[in-house]
């Protein structure tokens, strides 16, 4: 994310970004079964998952292979 302003503004924004990153990592660790440390390392840079990798990591429970397996929502 981009930040800007005075040195103080930038420091405050960077601190808030770090807090948000840790909070999101804690939530992801809780829901994926991965350790907090692994989540923090893996989320340090962009990390893209295909469906199989997302399932193995714990982000998803099931891979829908047909429209009939998707409930609710609209495509």
N, C-alpha and C. Protein backbone atom coordinates (compact mmCIF):
# COMPACT_ATOMS: atom_id res chain seq x y z
N UNK A 1 0.82 -1.18 0.00
CA UNK A 1 0.00 0.00 0.00
C UNK A 1 0.86 1.24 0.00
N UNK A 2 0.33 2.30 -0.50
CA UNK A 2 1.05 3.56 -0.55
C UNK A 2 0.75 4.42 0.66
N UNK A 3 1.77 5.13 1.11
CA UNK A 3 1.61 6.06 2.22
C UNK A 3 2.31 7.36 1.86
N UNK A 4 1.96 8.42 2.55
CA UNK A 4 2.60 9.69 2.27
C UNK A 4 2.30 10.69 3.35
N UNK A 5 2.92 11.84 3.25
CA UNK A 5 2.74 12.90 4.22
C UNK A 5 4.05 13.25 4.89
N UNK A 6 3.94 13.82 6.06
CA UNK A 6 5.13 14.17 6.83
C UNK A 6 5.79 12.91 7.36
N UNK A 7 7.00 13.04 7.87
CA UNK A 7 7.70 11.89 8.45
C UNK A 7 6.86 11.26 9.55
N UNK A 8 6.22 12.08 10.37
CA UNK A 8 5.37 11.57 11.45
C UNK A 8 4.18 10.82 10.88
N UNK A 9 3.54 11.38 9.85
CA UNK A 9 2.40 10.71 9.21
C UNK A 9 2.82 9.35 8.66
N UNK A 10 3.97 9.31 8.00
CA UNK A 10 4.45 8.06 7.41
C UNK A 10 4.73 7.03 8.49
N UNK A 11 5.35 7.44 9.59
CA UNK A 11 5.62 6.52 10.70
C UNK A 11 4.33 5.95 11.25
N UNK A 12 3.34 6.80 11.50
CA UNK A 12 2.06 6.36 12.05
C UNK A 12 1.37 5.40 11.09
N UNK A 13 1.36 5.74 9.79
CA UNK A 13 0.72 4.88 8.81
C UNK A 13 1.43 3.52 8.72
N UNK A 14 2.75 3.53 8.77
CA UNK A 14 3.52 2.28 8.73
C UNK A 14 3.21 1.42 9.95
N UNK A 15 3.11 2.04 11.12
CA UNK A 15 2.76 1.29 12.34
C UNK A 15 1.38 0.68 12.22
N UNK A 16 0.42 1.44 11.69
CA UNK A 16 -0.93 0.93 11.52
C UNK A 16 -0.97 -0.22 10.51
N UNK A 17 -0.19 -0.10 9.44
CA UNK A 17 -0.12 -1.18 8.45
C UNK A 17 0.45 -2.45 9.08
N UNK A 18 1.46 -2.31 9.94
CA UNK A 18 2.06 -3.47 10.61
C UNK A 18 1.05 -4.13 11.55
N UNK A 19 0.27 -3.32 12.26
CA UNK A 19 -0.75 -3.85 13.16
C UNK A 19 -1.81 -4.61 12.36
N UNK A 20 -2.25 -4.01 11.26
CA UNK A 20 -3.25 -4.66 10.41
C UNK A 20 -2.72 -5.95 9.83
N UNK A 21 -1.46 -5.96 9.38
CA UNK A 21 -0.87 -7.17 8.82
C UNK A 21 -0.84 -8.28 9.86
N UNK A 22 -0.44 -7.96 11.08
CA UNK A 22 -0.37 -8.98 12.12
C UNK A 22 -1.77 -9.50 12.47
N UNK A 23 -2.74 -8.59 12.57
CA UNK A 23 -4.11 -9.01 12.87
C UNK A 23 -4.63 -9.95 11.80
N UNK A 24 -4.42 -9.61 10.54
CA UNK A 24 -4.85 -10.48 9.44
C UNK A 24 -4.12 -11.82 9.48
N UNK A 25 -2.84 -11.80 9.81
CA UNK A 25 -2.08 -13.04 9.91
C UNK A 25 -2.62 -13.92 11.03
N UNK A 26 -2.98 -13.33 12.15
CA UNK A 26 -3.56 -14.09 13.26
C UNK A 26 -4.88 -14.73 12.85
N UNK A 27 -5.71 -13.98 12.13
CA UNK A 27 -6.99 -14.52 11.66
C UNK A 27 -6.74 -15.66 10.67
N UNK A 28 -5.83 -15.45 9.73
CA UNK A 28 -5.52 -16.51 8.76
C UNK A 28 -4.94 -17.74 9.43
N UNK A 29 -4.08 -17.56 10.42
CA UNK A 29 -3.51 -18.70 11.13
C UNK A 29 -4.61 -19.49 11.83
N UNK A 30 -5.52 -18.80 12.47
CA UNK A 30 -6.62 -19.46 13.18
C UNK A 30 -7.47 -20.29 12.23
N UNK A 31 -7.76 -19.74 11.06
CA UNK A 31 -8.68 -20.41 10.14
C UNK A 31 -8.02 -21.41 9.20
N UNK A 32 -6.71 -21.31 8.99
CA UNK A 32 -6.04 -22.24 8.08
C UNK A 32 -5.35 -23.39 8.80
N UNK A 33 -5.04 -23.20 10.08
CA UNK A 33 -4.26 -24.21 10.79
C UNK A 33 -2.77 -24.02 10.62
N UNK A 34 -2.36 -23.02 9.85
CA UNK A 34 -0.93 -22.72 9.69
C UNK A 34 -0.45 -21.97 10.93
N UNK A 35 0.85 -22.02 11.19
CA UNK A 35 1.38 -21.25 12.31
C UNK A 35 1.39 -19.77 11.96
N UNK A 36 1.34 -18.94 12.98
CA UNK A 36 1.41 -17.50 12.77
C UNK A 36 2.71 -17.14 12.07
N UNK A 37 3.81 -17.78 12.47
CA UNK A 37 5.10 -17.49 11.86
C UNK A 37 5.09 -17.80 10.37
N UNK A 38 4.49 -18.94 9.98
CA UNK A 38 4.42 -19.32 8.56
C UNK A 38 3.57 -18.31 7.79
N UNK A 39 2.44 -17.93 8.36
CA UNK A 39 1.58 -16.94 7.70
C UNK A 39 2.35 -15.63 7.50
N UNK A 40 3.06 -15.18 8.52
CA UNK A 40 3.81 -13.92 8.41
C UNK A 40 4.89 -14.00 7.33
N UNK A 41 5.58 -15.12 7.27
CA UNK A 41 6.62 -15.30 6.25
C UNK A 41 5.98 -15.36 4.86
N UNK A 42 4.92 -16.16 4.73
CA UNK A 42 4.29 -16.35 3.43
C UNK A 42 3.59 -15.10 2.93
N UNK A 43 3.21 -14.21 3.84
CA UNK A 43 2.49 -13.00 3.42
C UNK A 43 3.41 -11.78 3.34
N UNK A 44 4.71 -12.00 3.47
CA UNK A 44 5.65 -10.89 3.39
C UNK A 44 5.70 -10.30 1.98
N UNK A 45 5.41 -11.12 0.98
CA UNK A 45 5.37 -10.69 -0.42
C UNK A 45 4.11 -11.29 -1.04
N UNK A 46 3.75 -10.81 -2.25
CA UNK A 46 2.60 -11.38 -2.95
C UNK A 46 2.79 -12.88 -3.08
N UNK A 47 1.73 -13.63 -2.84
CA UNK A 47 1.77 -15.08 -2.91
C UNK A 47 0.45 -15.53 -3.51
N UNK A 48 0.49 -16.11 -4.70
CA UNK A 48 -0.72 -16.51 -5.40
C UNK A 48 -0.94 -18.00 -5.26
N UNK A 49 -2.21 -18.40 -5.08
CA UNK A 49 -2.58 -19.80 -4.90
C UNK A 49 -3.55 -20.23 -6.00
N UNK A 50 -3.31 -21.40 -6.59
CA UNK A 50 -4.36 -21.98 -7.42
C UNK A 50 -5.31 -22.71 -6.47
N UNK A 51 -6.37 -23.29 -6.99
CA UNK A 51 -7.38 -23.90 -6.13
C UNK A 51 -6.80 -25.02 -5.27
N UNK A 52 -5.98 -25.87 -5.86
CA UNK A 52 -5.42 -26.99 -5.10
C UNK A 52 -4.49 -26.51 -3.99
N UNK A 53 -3.66 -25.52 -4.30
CA UNK A 53 -2.75 -24.98 -3.29
C UNK A 53 -3.51 -24.28 -2.17
N UNK A 54 -4.58 -23.56 -2.53
CA UNK A 54 -5.39 -22.87 -1.51
C UNK A 54 -6.03 -23.88 -0.58
N UNK A 55 -6.47 -25.02 -1.13
CA UNK A 55 -7.07 -26.07 -0.29
C UNK A 55 -6.01 -26.69 0.62
N UNK A 56 -4.85 -27.00 0.06
CA UNK A 56 -3.78 -27.60 0.85
C UNK A 56 -3.32 -26.67 1.97
N UNK A 57 -3.32 -25.38 1.72
CA UNK A 57 -2.88 -24.39 2.72
C UNK A 57 -3.93 -24.19 3.81
N UNK A 58 -5.19 -24.46 3.47
CA UNK A 58 -6.27 -24.30 4.45
C UNK A 58 -7.15 -23.08 4.22
N UNK A 59 -6.94 -22.37 3.10
CA UNK A 59 -7.77 -21.20 2.82
C UNK A 59 -9.18 -21.58 2.40
N UNK A 60 -9.32 -22.74 1.76
CA UNK A 60 -10.64 -23.19 1.32
C UNK A 60 -10.84 -24.63 1.76
N UNK A 61 -12.11 -25.05 1.83
CA UNK A 61 -12.43 -26.41 2.24
C UNK A 61 -12.73 -27.33 1.07
N UNK A 62 -13.21 -26.74 -0.02
CA UNK A 62 -13.70 -27.54 -1.14
C UNK A 62 -13.46 -26.78 -2.44
N UNK A 63 -13.18 -27.52 -3.49
CA UNK A 63 -13.03 -26.92 -4.82
C UNK A 63 -14.28 -27.27 -5.63
N UNK A 64 -15.04 -26.26 -6.00
CA UNK A 64 -16.24 -26.48 -6.81
C UNK A 64 -15.82 -26.82 -8.23
N UNK A 65 -16.37 -27.92 -8.74
CA UNK A 65 -16.03 -28.33 -10.10
C UNK A 65 -17.19 -28.18 -11.06
N UNK A 66 -18.35 -27.75 -10.54
CA UNK A 66 -19.50 -27.49 -11.41
C UNK A 66 -20.36 -26.41 -10.78
N UNK A 67 -21.19 -25.76 -11.60
CA UNK A 67 -22.07 -24.71 -11.09
C UNK A 67 -23.00 -25.23 -10.01
N UNK A 68 -23.40 -26.49 -10.09
CA UNK A 68 -24.31 -27.07 -9.10
C UNK A 68 -23.72 -27.16 -7.71
N UNK A 69 -22.41 -27.07 -7.59
CA UNK A 69 -21.75 -27.14 -6.29
C UNK A 69 -21.65 -25.79 -5.61
N UNK A 70 -22.05 -24.74 -6.29
CA UNK A 70 -21.96 -23.40 -5.74
C UNK A 70 -23.35 -22.98 -5.28
N UNK A 71 -23.46 -22.61 -4.00
CA UNK A 71 -24.76 -22.19 -3.48
C UNK A 71 -24.74 -20.70 -3.19
N UNK A 72 -25.92 -20.09 -3.22
CA UNK A 72 -26.03 -18.66 -2.94
C UNK A 72 -25.36 -17.85 -4.02
N UNK A 73 -25.17 -16.58 -3.78
CA UNK A 73 -24.43 -15.68 -4.67
C UNK A 73 -24.69 -15.84 -6.15
N UNK A 74 -24.28 -14.86 -6.89
CA UNK A 74 -24.41 -14.87 -8.34
C UNK A 74 -23.03 -14.75 -8.96
N UNK A 75 -22.85 -15.38 -10.09
CA UNK A 75 -21.56 -15.32 -10.78
C UNK A 75 -21.37 -14.01 -11.48
